[in-house]
Amino acid sequence: MTSSRIETSEGPQPSDSKQTGRRLPIRRLLQPEFYLPVTVTGVFLGAWEWMGTVSNPILFAPPSRIAQAAVVLVRDGVPAFGSTRIVTLQALTWTTLNGLLVGFALSIITGLVVGVLFGRQKTLARVAEPYIDAVYATPRVVLTPLIVMWFGLGYNARIFLVWLGATIPIIITTAIGIRNARPDLEEVGQSFGMSERQLLRHVIMPGAVPYVLAGLRIAAGRAMIGIVIGEMFLNLVGLGGFIRFESARLRTANAFVAVMVLGIMGATLISSLGLLESKFASWKKEQRSRAM
């Protein structure tokens, strides 16, 4: 009797779990976090398509024409930059992505090293920070003629533009994070005889990581601006140069394709850094809860 009761009580449970599993995706679809962005995107694209049909399609290309242009650029390519050479969207994207990632990587290395120095050496920071702020506030377009004289019109000039725009936010935020390190933990480390290098590695830098990640997100946006400026005003290459070339010839759909790829590229980079920042914040909360 007891075994039969146990079997009958446990029998319906798998079917209930299956029904719950089947209902779960439907419940997620009904959540505002899902259907609101989808609805807003659909309304926006519909209004854009309608505006493109009632206005001049040369000046305001609708999404349908942009999608057709994207297919042609990916599959066949188009002649661009005043030559008969066929250029595909993949080649344009790789040119831009190469300059962006190389310049951004160099800016991370430089920004972290200089930021740590400014955070630990207050006298050096007082001397150098006014010049850093002046360079940061100067528009990079103004510096373009000087960059042409220094580096020419090629790849090195574009890398320098990306590096110049992205390095300073990393320097500033890293220095702030180093200065805001907990003095009690630093005193404990010194009492145990830790060297400056050990303090930086085990005490100061872990506390400065949120500041560094925030600086990386700001720097990523400025790096995107730098690579587009370099491609538009130094040498017509990549997505930035393609936008300028196609816009001058009123091929709006092609230009919009490049604009959208740049937007996706920048959003992916910044969102990835934001995800890393949130992961670190959750990990830090877990470490604090374990310590308590």
C-alpha atoms as a PDB file:
ATOM      1  CA  MET A   1       0.000   0.000   0.000  1.00  0.00           C
ATOM      2  CA  THR A   2       2.737   2.406   0.899  1.00  0.00           C
ATOM      3  CA  SER A   3       4.705   1.706  -2.285  1.00  0.00           C
ATOM      4  CA  SER A   4       1.614   2.185  -4.446  1.00  0.00           C
ATOM      5  CA  ARG A   5       0.914   5.517  -2.787  1.00  0.00           C
ATOM      6  CA  ILE A   6       4.480   6.650  -3.411  1.00  0.00           C
ATOM      7  CA  GLU A   7       4.275   5.625  -7.059  1.00  0.00           C
ATOM      8  CA  THR A   8       0.972   7.439  -7.583  1.00  0.00           C
ATOM      9  CA  SER A   9       2.243  10.585  -5.872  1.00  0.00           C
ATOM     10  CA  GLU A  10       5.463  10.651  -7.853  1.00  0.00           C
ATOM     11  CA  GLY A  11       3.889   9.679 -11.142  1.00  0.00           C
ATOM     12  CA  PRO A  12       2.359  13.032 -12.250  1.00  0.00           C
ATOM     13  CA  GLN A  13       5.503  15.058 -11.424  1.00  0.00           C
ATOM     14  CA  PRO A  14       7.361  14.520 -14.748  1.00  0.00           C
ATOM     15  CA  SER A  15       4.317  15.611 -16.739  1.00  0.00           C
ATOM     16  CA  ASP A  16       3.984  18.762 -14.589  1.00  0.00           C
ATOM     17  CA  SER A  17       7.618  19.633 -15.172  1.00  0.00           C
ATOM     18  CA  LYS A  18       7.181  19.096 -18.892  1.00  0.00           C
ATOM     19  CA  GLN A  19       4.158  21.392 -18.942  1.00  0.00           C
ATOM     20  CA  THR A  20       6.105  24.021 -17.003  1.00  0.00           C
ATOM     21  CA  GLY A  21       9.005  23.720 -19.451  1.00  0.00           C
ATOM     22  CA  ARG A  22       6.618  24.154 -22.369  1.00  0.00           C
ATOM     23  CA  ARG A  23       4.965  27.189 -20.834  1.00  0.00           C
ATOM     24  CA  LEU A  24       8.215  28.880 -19.873  1.00  0.00           C
ATOM     25  CA  PRO A  25       9.172  30.145 -23.386  1.00  0.00           C
ATOM     26  CA  ILE A  26       5.634  31.499 -23.878  1.00  0.00           C
ATOM     27  CA  ARG A  27       5.842  33.344 -20.565  1.00  0.00           C
ATOM     28  CA  ARG A  28       9.162  34.829 -21.600  1.00  0.00           C
ATOM     29  CA  LEU A  29       7.648  36.037 -24.860  1.00  0.00           C
ATOM     30  CA  LEU A  30       4.941  37.828 -22.890  1.00  0.00           C
ATOM     31  CA  GLN A  31       7.441  39.656 -20.693  1.00  0.00           C
ATOM     32  CA  PRO A  32       7.813  43.427 -21.407  1.00  0.00           C
ATOM     33  CA  GLU A  33      11.595  42.998 -21.595  1.00  0.00           C
ATOM     34  CA  PHE A  34      11.061  40.925 -24.747  1.00  0.00           C
ATOM     35  CA  TYR A  35       8.052  42.273 -26.605  1.00  0.00           C
ATOM     36  CA  LEU A  36       8.626  45.989 -25.981  1.00  0.00           C
ATOM     37  CA  PRO A  37      12.006  46.161 -27.833  1.00  0.00           C
ATOM     38  CA  VAL A  38      10.612  43.993 -30.623  1.00  0.00           C
ATOM     39  CA  THR A  39       7.526  46.196 -30.950  1.00  0.00           C
ATOM     40  CA  VAL A  40       9.502  49.431 -30.910  1.00  0.00           C
ATOM     41  CA  THR A  41      11.919  48.067 -33.517  1.00  0.00           C
ATOM     42  CA  GLY A  42       9.054  46.959 -35.757  1.00  0.00           C
ATOM     43  CA  VAL A  43       7.304  50.333 -35.511  1.00  0.00           C
ATOM     44  CA  PHE A  44      10.574  52.164 -36.192  1.00  0.00           C
ATOM     45  CA  LEU A  45      11.389  50.075 -39.268  1.00  0.00           C
ATOM     46  CA  GLY A  46       7.820  50.431 -40.549  1.00  0.00           C
ATOM     47  CA  ALA A  47       7.898  54.208 -40.174  1.00  0.00           C
ATOM     48  CA  TRP A  48      11.325  54.298 -41.824  1.00  0.00           C
ATOM     49  CA  GLU A  49      10.057  52.222 -44.770  1.00  0.00           C
ATOM     50  CA  TRP A  50       7.044  54.496 -45.184  1.00  0.00           C
ATOM     51  CA  MET A  51       9.207  57.640 -45.062  1.00  0.00           C
ATOM     52  CA  GLY A  52      11.515  56.140 -47.677  1.00  0.00           C
ATOM     53  CA  THR A  53       8.635  55.464 -50.065  1.00  0.00           C
ATOM     54  CA  VAL A  54       7.002  58.905 -49.784  1.00  0.00           C
ATOM     55  CA  SER A  55      10.273  60.866 -49.908  1.00  0.00           C
ATOM     56  CA  ASN A  56      13.202  60.882 -52.303  1.00  0.00           C
ATOM     57  CA  PRO A  57      14.803  57.403 -52.011  1.00  0.00           C
ATOM     58  CA  ILE A  58      18.181  58.856 -52.990  1.00  0.00           C
ATOM     59  CA  LEU A  59      18.218  61.076 -49.912  1.00  0.00           C
ATOM     60  CA  PHE A  60      16.404  58.695 -47.549  1.00  0.00           C
ATOM     61  CA  ALA A  61      16.817  55.042 -48.474  1.00  0.00           C
ATOM     62  CA  PRO A  62      14.183  52.696 -46.963  1.00  0.00           C
ATOM     63  CA  PRO A  63      15.215  49.513 -45.095  1.00  0.00           C
ATOM     64  CA  SER A  64      14.195  47.318 -48.035  1.00  0.00           C
ATOM     65  CA  ARG A  65      16.711  49.018 -50.338  1.00  0.00           C
ATOM     66  CA  ILE A  66      19.371  48.925 -47.626  1.00  0.00           C
ATOM     67  CA  ALA A  67      18.831  45.165 -47.232  1.00  0.00           C
ATOM     68  CA  GLN A  68      19.178  44.688 -51.002  1.00  0.00           C
ATOM     69  CA  ALA A  69      22.363  46.767 -51.013  1.00  0.00           C
ATOM     70  CA  ALA A  70      23.764  44.703 -48.133  1.00  0.00           C
ATOM     71  CA  VAL A  71      23.153  41.464 -50.045  1.00  0.00           C
ATOM     72  CA  VAL A  72      24.938  42.851 -53.117  1.00  0.00           C
ATOM     73  CA  LEU A  73      27.880  44.111 -51.030  1.00  0.00           C
ATOM     74  CA  VAL A  74      28.312  40.775 -49.281  1.00  0.00           C
ATOM     75  CA  ARG A  75      27.779  38.527 -52.314  1.00  0.00           C
ATOM     76  CA  ASP A  76      29.241  40.457 -55.258  1.00  0.00           C
ATOM     77  CA  GLY A  77      30.816  43.684 -53.995  1.00  0.00           C
ATOM     78  CA  VAL A  78      30.871  47.045 -55.756  1.00  0.00           C
ATOM     79  CA  PRO A  79      33.575  49.206 -57.362  1.00  0.00           C
ATOM     80  CA  ALA A  80      34.580  51.926 -54.913  1.00  0.00           C
ATOM     81  CA  PHE A  81      37.192  54.572 -54.098  1.00  0.00           C
ATOM     82  CA  GLY A  82      37.441  55.776 -57.696  1.00  0.00           C
ATOM     83  CA  SER A  83      38.847  52.549 -59.131  1.00  0.00           C
ATOM     84  CA  THR A  84      37.535  49.477 -60.869  1.00  0.00           C
ATOM     85  CA  ARG A  85      38.581  47.248 -57.972  1.00  0.00           C
ATOM     86  CA  ILE A  86      35.636  45.380 -56.484  1.00  0.00           C
ATOM     87  CA  VAL A  87      35.222  45.883 -52.743  1.00  0.00           C
ATOM     88  CA  THR A  88      33.066  43.624 -50.563  1.00  0.00           C
ATOM     89  CA  LEU A  89      31.513  44.401 -47.195  1.00  0.00           C
ATOM     90  CA  GLN A  90      33.673  41.740 -45.555  1.00  0.00           C
ATOM     91  CA  ALA A  91      36.883  43.393 -46.780  1.00  0.00           C
ATOM     92  CA  LEU A  92      35.724  46.837 -45.645  1.00  0.00           C
ATOM     93  CA  THR A  93      34.760  45.510 -42.222  1.00  0.00           C
ATOM     94  CA  TRP A  94      38.075  43.713 -41.769  1.00  0.00           C
ATOM     95  CA  THR A  95      40.040  46.867 -42.659  1.00  0.00           C
ATOM     96  CA  THR A  96      38.159  48.891 -40.056  1.00  0.00           C
ATOM     97  CA  LEU A  97      38.212  46.155 -37.435  1.00  0.00           C
ATOM     98  CA  ASN A  98      41.949  45.611 -37.839  1.00  0.00           C
ATOM     99  CA  GLY A  99      42.810  49.251 -37.218  1.00  0.00           C
ATOM    100  CA  LEU A 100      40.303  49.509 -34.378  1.00  0.00           C
ATOM    101  CA  LEU A 101      41.502  46.460 -32.437  1.00  0.00           C
ATOM    102  CA  VAL A 102      45.223  47.159 -32.879  1.00  0.00           C
ATOM    103  CA  GLY A 103      44.871  50.786 -31.804  1.00  0.00           C
ATOM    104  CA  PHE A 104      42.581  49.864 -28.918  1.00  0.00           C
ATOM    105  CA  ALA A 105      44.958  47.159 -27.674  1.00  0.00           C
ATOM    106  CA  LEU A 106      47.868  49.623 -27.699  1.00  0.00           C
ATOM    107  CA  SER A 107      45.757  52.178 -25.835  1.00  0.00           C
ATOM    108  CA  ILE A 108      44.884  49.627 -23.137  1.00  0.00           C
ATOM    109  CA  ILE A 109      48.541  48.800 -22.541  1.00  0.00           C
ATOM    110  CA  THR A 110      49.604  52.454 -22.483  1.00  0.00           C
ATOM    111  CA  GLY A 111      46.625  53.620 -20.448  1.00  0.00           C
ATOM    112  CA  LEU A 112      47.061  51.025 -17.717  1.00  0.00           C
ATOM    113  CA  VAL A 113      50.788  51.638 -17.313  1.00  0.00           C
ATOM    114  CA  VAL A 114      50.517  55.444 -17.267  1.00  0.00           C
ATOM    115  CA  GLY A 115      47.365  55.339 -15.127  1.00  0.00           C
ATOM    116  CA  VAL A 116      49.102  53.247 -12.467  1.00  0.00           C
ATOM    117  CA  LEU A 117      52.049  55.656 -12.471  1.00  0.00           C
ATOM    118  CA  PHE A 118      49.748  58.656 -12.088  1.00  0.00           C
ATOM    119  CA  GLY A 119      47.822  56.918  -9.340  1.00  0.00           C
ATOM    120  CA  ARG A 120      50.899  56.089  -7.282  1.00  0.00           C
ATOM    121  CA  GLN A 121      53.064  59.098  -8.113  1.00  0.00           C
ATOM    122  CA  LYS A 122      50.994  62.133  -7.153  1.00  0.00           C
ATOM    123  CA  THR A 123      53.683  64.641  -8.063  1.00  0.00           C
ATOM    124  CA  LEU A 124      53.978  63.239 -11.574  1.00  0.00           C
ATOM    125  CA  ALA A 125      50.199  63.349 -11.905  1.00  0.00           C
ATOM    126  CA  ARG A 126      50.009  67.003 -10.879  1.00  0.00           C
ATOM    127  CA  VAL A 127      52.592  67.930 -13.500  1.00  0.00           C
ATOM    128  CA  ALA A 128      51.215  65.861 -16.386  1.00  0.00           C
ATOM    129  CA  GLU A 129      47.442  65.902 -15.882  1.00  0.00           C
ATOM    130  CA  PRO A 130      46.861  69.460 -17.211  1.00  0.00           C
ATOM    131  CA  TYR A 131      48.497  68.454 -20.501  1.00  0.00           C
ATOM    132  CA  ILE A 132      46.506  65.213 -20.572  1.00  0.00           C
ATOM    133  CA  ASP A 133      43.282  67.162 -20.072  1.00  0.00           C
ATOM    134  CA  ALA A 134      44.227  69.622 -22.810  1.00  0.00           C
ATOM    135  CA  VAL A 135      44.848  66.834 -25.324  1.00  0.00           C
ATOM    136  CA  TYR A 136      41.650  65.078 -24.264  1.00  0.00           C
ATOM    137  CA  ALA A 137      39.576  68.230 -24.818  1.00  0.00           C
ATOM    138  CA  THR A 138      41.110  68.980 -28.234  1.00  0.00           C
ATOM    139  CA  PRO A 139      39.035  67.640 -31.162  1.00  0.00           C
ATOM    140  CA  ARG A 140      40.986  65.043 -33.111  1.00  0.00           C
ATOM    141  CA  VAL A 141      39.919  66.561 -36.416  1.00  0.00           C
ATOM    142  CA  VAL A 142      42.008  69.630 -35.499  1.00  0.00           C
ATOM    143  CA  LEU A 143      45.057  67.388 -35.031  1.00  0.00           C
ATOM    144  CA  THR A 144      44.593  65.633 -38.378  1.00  0.00           C
ATOM    145  CA  PRO A 145      46.978  67.926 -40.363  1.00  0.00           C
ATOM    146  CA  LEU A 146      49.710  67.357 -37.782  1.00  0.00           C
ATOM    147  CA  ILE A 147      49.114  63.601 -37.819  1.00  0.00           C
ATOM    148  CA  VAL A 148      49.453  63.621 -41.610  1.00  0.00           C
ATOM    149  CA  MET A 149      52.826  65.352 -41.309  1.00  0.00           C
ATOM    150  CA  TRP A 150      54.001  62.947 -38.607  1.00  0.00           C
ATOM    151  CA  PHE A 151      52.670  59.611 -39.857  1.00  0.00           C
ATOM    152  CA  GLY A 152      51.497  60.175 -43.422  1.00  0.00           C
ATOM    153  CA  LEU A 153      48.131  58.992 -44.730  1.00  0.00           C
ATOM    154  CA  GLY A 154      48.381  55.267 -44.171  1.00  0.00           C
ATOM    155  CA  TYR A 155      47.826  52.625 -41.558  1.00  0.00           C
ATOM    156  CA  ASN A 156      50.073  54.143 -38.867  1.00  0.00           C
ATOM    157  CA  ALA A 157      48.146  57.413 -38.891  1.00  0.00           C
ATOM    158  CA  ARG A 158      44.834  55.623 -38.328  1.00  0.00           C
ATOM    159  CA  ILE A 159      46.325  53.574 -35.498  1.00  0.00           C
ATOM    160  CA  PHE A 160      47.633  56.752 -33.866  1.00  0.00           C
ATOM    161  CA  LEU A 161      44.208  58.406 -34.046  1.00  0.00           C
ATOM    162  CA  VAL A 162      42.579  55.432 -32.342  1.00  0.00           C
ATOM    163  CA  TRP A 163      45.334  55.234 -29.740  1.00  0.00           C
ATOM    164  CA  LEU A 164      45.209  58.975 -28.996  1.00  0.00           C
ATOM    165  CA  GLY A 165      41.469  59.008 -28.411  1.00  0.00           C
ATOM    166  CA  ALA A 166      41.220  55.812 -26.386  1.00  0.00           C
ATOM    167  CA  THR A 167      44.305  56.074 -24.163  1.00  0.00           C
ATOM    168  CA  ILE A 168      43.388  59.149 -22.131  1.00  0.00           C
ATOM    169  CA  PRO A 169      40.080  57.844 -20.672  1.00  0.00           C
ATOM    170  CA  ILE A 170      41.882  54.702 -19.542  1.00  0.00           C
ATOM    171  CA  ILE A 171      44.653  56.778 -17.936  1.00  0.00           C
ATOM    172  CA  ILE A 172      42.175  58.982 -16.069  1.00  0.00           C
ATOM    173  CA  THR A 173      39.916  56.221 -14.751  1.00  0.00           C
ATOM    174  CA  THR A 174      42.827  53.916 -13.836  1.00  0.00           C
ATOM    175  CA  ALA A 175      44.524  56.706 -11.875  1.00  0.00           C
ATOM    176  CA  ILE A 176      41.272  57.434 -10.018  1.00  0.00           C
ATOM    177  CA  GLY A 177      40.833  53.751  -9.214  1.00  0.00           C
ATOM    178  CA  ILE A 178      44.389  53.473  -7.884  1.00  0.00           C
ATOM    179  CA  ARG A 179      43.936  56.546  -5.664  1.00  0.00           C
ATOM    180  CA  ASN A 180      40.665  55.214  -4.252  1.00  0.00           C
ATOM    181  CA  ALA A 181      42.242  51.986  -3.026  1.00  0.00           C
ATOM    182  CA  ARG A 182      41.291  51.103   0.541  1.00  0.00           C
ATOM    183  CA  PRO A 183      44.040  52.445   2.829  1.00  0.00           C
ATOM    184  CA  ASP A 184      43.305  49.870   5.546  1.00  0.00           C
ATOM    185  CA  LEU A 185      44.013  46.984   3.153  1.00  0.00           C
ATOM    186  CA  GLU A 186      47.134  48.735   1.947  1.00  0.00           C
ATOM    187  CA  GLU A 187      48.350  49.141   5.535  1.00  0.00           C
ATOM    188  CA  VAL A 188      47.699  45.459   6.216  1.00  0.00           C
ATOM    189  CA  GLY A 189      49.731  44.505   3.155  1.00  0.00           C
ATOM    190  CA  GLN A 190      52.589  46.768   4.204  1.00  0.00           C
ATOM    191  CA  SER A 191      52.553  45.310   7.712  1.00  0.00           C
ATOM    192  CA  PHE A 192      53.068  41.868   6.170  1.00  0.00           C
ATOM    193  CA  GLY A 193      56.079  43.169   4.262  1.00  0.00           C
ATOM    194  CA  MET A 194      54.540  43.228   0.798  1.00  0.00           C
ATOM    195  CA  SER A 195      56.536  45.041  -1.868  1.00  0.00           C
ATOM    196  CA  GLU A 196      55.095  47.753  -4.116  1.00  0.00           C
ATOM    197  CA  ARG A 197      54.642  45.247  -6.908  1.00  0.00           C
ATOM    198  CA  GLN A 198      52.811  42.814  -4.628  1.00  0.00           C
ATOM    199  CA  LEU A 199      50.596  45.599  -3.297  1.00  0.00           C
ATOM    200  CA  LEU A 200      49.637  46.605  -6.811  1.00  0.00           C
ATOM    201  CA  ARG A 201      48.906  43.059  -7.887  1.00  0.00           C
ATOM    202  CA  HIS A 202      47.044  41.729  -4.853  1.00  0.00           C
ATOM    203  CA  VAL A 203      45.556  44.781  -3.115  1.00  0.00           C
ATOM    204  CA  ILE A 204      45.333  47.913  -5.255  1.00  0.00           C
ATOM    205  CA  MET A 205      44.558  46.672  -8.781  1.00  0.00           C
ATOM    206  CA  PRO A 206      41.660  44.359  -7.777  1.00  0.00           C
ATOM    207  CA  GLY A 207      39.922  47.337  -6.175  1.00  0.00           C
ATOM    208  CA  ALA A 208      40.586  49.507  -9.234  1.00  0.00           C
ATOM    209  CA  VAL A 209      39.118  47.039 -11.750  1.00  0.00           C
ATOM    210  CA  PRO A 210      35.621  48.658 -11.808  1.00  0.00           C
ATOM    211  CA  TYR A 211      37.202  52.017 -12.634  1.00  0.00           C
ATOM    212  CA  VAL A 212      39.365  50.439 -15.326  1.00  0.00           C
ATOM    213  CA  LEU A 213      36.405  48.690 -16.953  1.00  0.00           C
ATOM    214  CA  ALA A 214      34.391  51.912 -16.924  1.00  0.00           C
ATOM    215  CA  GLY A 215      37.296  53.643 -18.630  1.00  0.00           C
ATOM    216  CA  LEU A 216      37.517  50.879 -21.224  1.00  0.00           C
ATOM    217  CA  ARG A 217      33.861  51.380 -22.137  1.00  0.00           C
ATOM    218  CA  ILE A 218      34.406  55.114 -22.621  1.00  0.00           C
ATOM    219  CA  ALA A 219      37.599  54.442 -24.555  1.00  0.00           C
ATOM    220  CA  ALA A 220      35.845  51.984 -26.875  1.00  0.00           C
ATOM    221  CA  GLY A 221      33.457  54.690 -28.065  1.00  0.00           C
ATOM    222  CA  ARG A 222      36.290  57.136 -28.645  1.00  0.00           C
ATOM    223  CA  ALA A 223      38.261  54.447 -30.468  1.00  0.00           C
ATOM    224  CA  MET A 224      35.326  53.998 -32.872  1.00  0.00           C
ATOM    225  CA  ILE A 225      35.303  57.740 -33.520  1.00  0.00           C
ATOM    226  CA  GLY A 226      39.050  57.734 -34.114  1.00  0.00           C
ATOM    227  CA  ILE A 227      39.038  54.943 -36.696  1.00  0.00           C
ATOM    228  CA  VAL A 228      36.163  56.534 -38.626  1.00  0.00           C
ATOM    229  CA  ILE A 229      37.902  59.930 -38.659  1.00  0.00           C
ATOM    230  CA  GLY A 230      41.092  58.311 -39.906  1.00  0.00           C
ATOM    231  CA  GLU A 231      39.309  56.442 -42.696  1.00  0.00           C
ATOM    232  CA  MET A 232      37.286  59.462 -43.773  1.00  0.00           C
ATOM    233  CA  PHE A 233      39.858  62.244 -43.637  1.00  0.00           C
ATOM    234  CA  LEU A 234      43.253  60.560 -43.963  1.00  0.00           C
ATOM    235  CA  ASN A 235      42.837  57.837 -46.559  1.00  0.00           C
ATOM    236  CA  LEU A 236      39.584  56.562 -48.055  1.00  0.00           C
ATOM    237  CA  VAL A 237      39.635  52.978 -46.812  1.00  0.00           C
ATOM    238  CA  GLY A 238      37.423  50.766 -44.684  1.00  0.00           C
ATOM    239  CA  LEU A 239      33.853  51.483 -43.685  1.00  0.00           C
ATOM    240  CA  GLY A 240      34.470  55.157 -42.920  1.00  0.00           C
ATOM    241  CA  GLY A 241      36.014  55.858 -46.308  1.00  0.00           C
ATOM    242  CA  PHE A 242      33.253  53.866 -48.003  1.00  0.00           C
ATOM    243  CA  ILE A 243      30.582  56.006 -46.305  1.00  0.00           C
ATOM    244  CA  ARG A 244      32.205  59.209 -47.521  1.00  0.00           C
ATOM    245  CA  PHE A 245      32.759  57.918 -51.058  1.00  0.00           C
ATOM    246  CA  GLU A 246      29.233  56.505 -51.487  1.00  0.00           C
ATOM    247  CA  SER A 247      27.544  59.537 -49.913  1.00  0.00           C
ATOM    248  CA  ALA A 248      29.344  61.871 -52.318  1.00  0.00           C
ATOM    249  CA  ARG A 249      27.865  59.853 -55.198  1.00  0.00           C
ATOM    250  CA  LEU A 250      24.357  59.782 -53.649  1.00  0.00           C
ATOM    251  CA  ARG A 251      24.390  56.012 -53.188  1.00  0.00           C
ATOM    252  CA  THR A 252      22.631  56.310 -49.859  1.00  0.00           C
ATOM    253  CA  ALA A 253      21.716  52.649 -49.434  1.00  0.00           C
ATOM    254  CA  ASN A 254      25.344  51.541 -49.632  1.00  0.00           C
ATOM    255  CA  ALA A 255      26.368  54.242 -47.167  1.00  0.00           C
ATOM    256  CA  PHE A 256      23.627  53.165 -44.743  1.00  0.00           C
ATOM    257  CA  VAL A 257      24.901  49.579 -44.849  1.00  0.00           C
ATOM    258  CA  ALA A 258      28.339  50.723 -43.712  1.00  0.00           C
ATOM    259  CA  VAL A 259      26.812  52.957 -41.029  1.00  0.00           C
ATOM    260  CA  MET A 260      24.834  50.026 -39.633  1.00  0.00           C
ATOM    261  CA  VAL A 261      27.876  47.751 -39.599  1.00  0.00           C
ATOM    262  CA  LEU A 262      29.801  50.414 -37.672  1.00  0.00           C
ATOM    263  CA  GLY A 263      26.918  50.709 -35.211  1.00  0.00           C
ATOM    264  CA  ILE A 264      26.801  46.956 -34.678  1.00  0.00           C
ATOM    265  CA  MET A 265      30.569  46.844 -34.274  1.00  0.00           C
ATOM    266  CA  GLY A 266      30.609  49.608 -31.673  1.00  0.00           C
ATOM    267  CA  ALA A 267      27.595  48.248 -29.790  1.00  0.00           C
ATOM    268  CA  THR A 268      29.152  44.775 -29.656  1.00  0.00           C
ATOM    269  CA  LEU A 269      32.446  46.089 -28.325  1.00  0.00           C
ATOM    270  CA  ILE A 270      30.894  48.326 -25.676  1.00  0.00           C
ATOM    271  CA  SER A 271      28.312  45.711 -24.644  1.00  0.00           C
ATOM    272  CA  SER A 272      31.044  43.088 -24.259  1.00  0.00           C
ATOM    273  CA  LEU A 273      32.944  45.380 -21.912  1.00  0.00           C
ATOM    274  CA  GLY A 274      29.718  46.133 -20.031  1.00  0.00           C
ATOM    275  CA  LEU A 275      29.056  42.416 -19.649  1.00  0.00           C
ATOM    276  CA  LEU A 276      32.575  41.926 -18.327  1.00  0.00           C
ATOM    277  CA  GLU A 277      31.993  44.759 -15.865  1.00  0.00           C
ATOM    278  CA  SER A 278      28.743  43.213 -14.600  1.00  0.00           C
ATOM    279  CA  LYS A 279      30.382  39.779 -14.293  1.00  0.00           C
ATOM    280  CA  PHE A 280      33.161  41.249 -12.196  1.00  0.00           C
ATOM    281  CA  ALA A 281      30.647  43.097 -10.004  1.00  0.00           C
ATOM    282  CA  SER A 282      28.688  39.899  -9.340  1.00  0.00           C
ATOM    283  CA  TRP A 283      31.916  38.008  -8.614  1.00  0.00           C
ATOM    284  CA  LYS A 284      32.972  40.712  -6.176  1.00  0.00           C
ATOM    285  CA  LYS A 285      29.622  40.484  -4.357  1.00  0.00           C
ATOM    286  CA  GLU A 286      30.045  36.722  -4.034  1.00  0.00           C
ATOM    287  CA  GLN A 287      33.525  37.174  -2.606  1.00  0.00           C
ATOM    288  CA  ARG A 288      32.231  39.686  -0.044  1.00  0.00           C
ATOM    289  CA  SER A 289      29.370  37.396   0.980  1.00  0.00           C
ATOM    290  CA  ARG A 290      31.779  34.502   1.454  1.00  0.00           C
ATOM    291  CA  ALA A 291      34.100  36.668   3.518  1.00  0.00           C
ATOM    292  CA  MET A 292      31.210  37.673   5.770  1.00  0.00           C
END
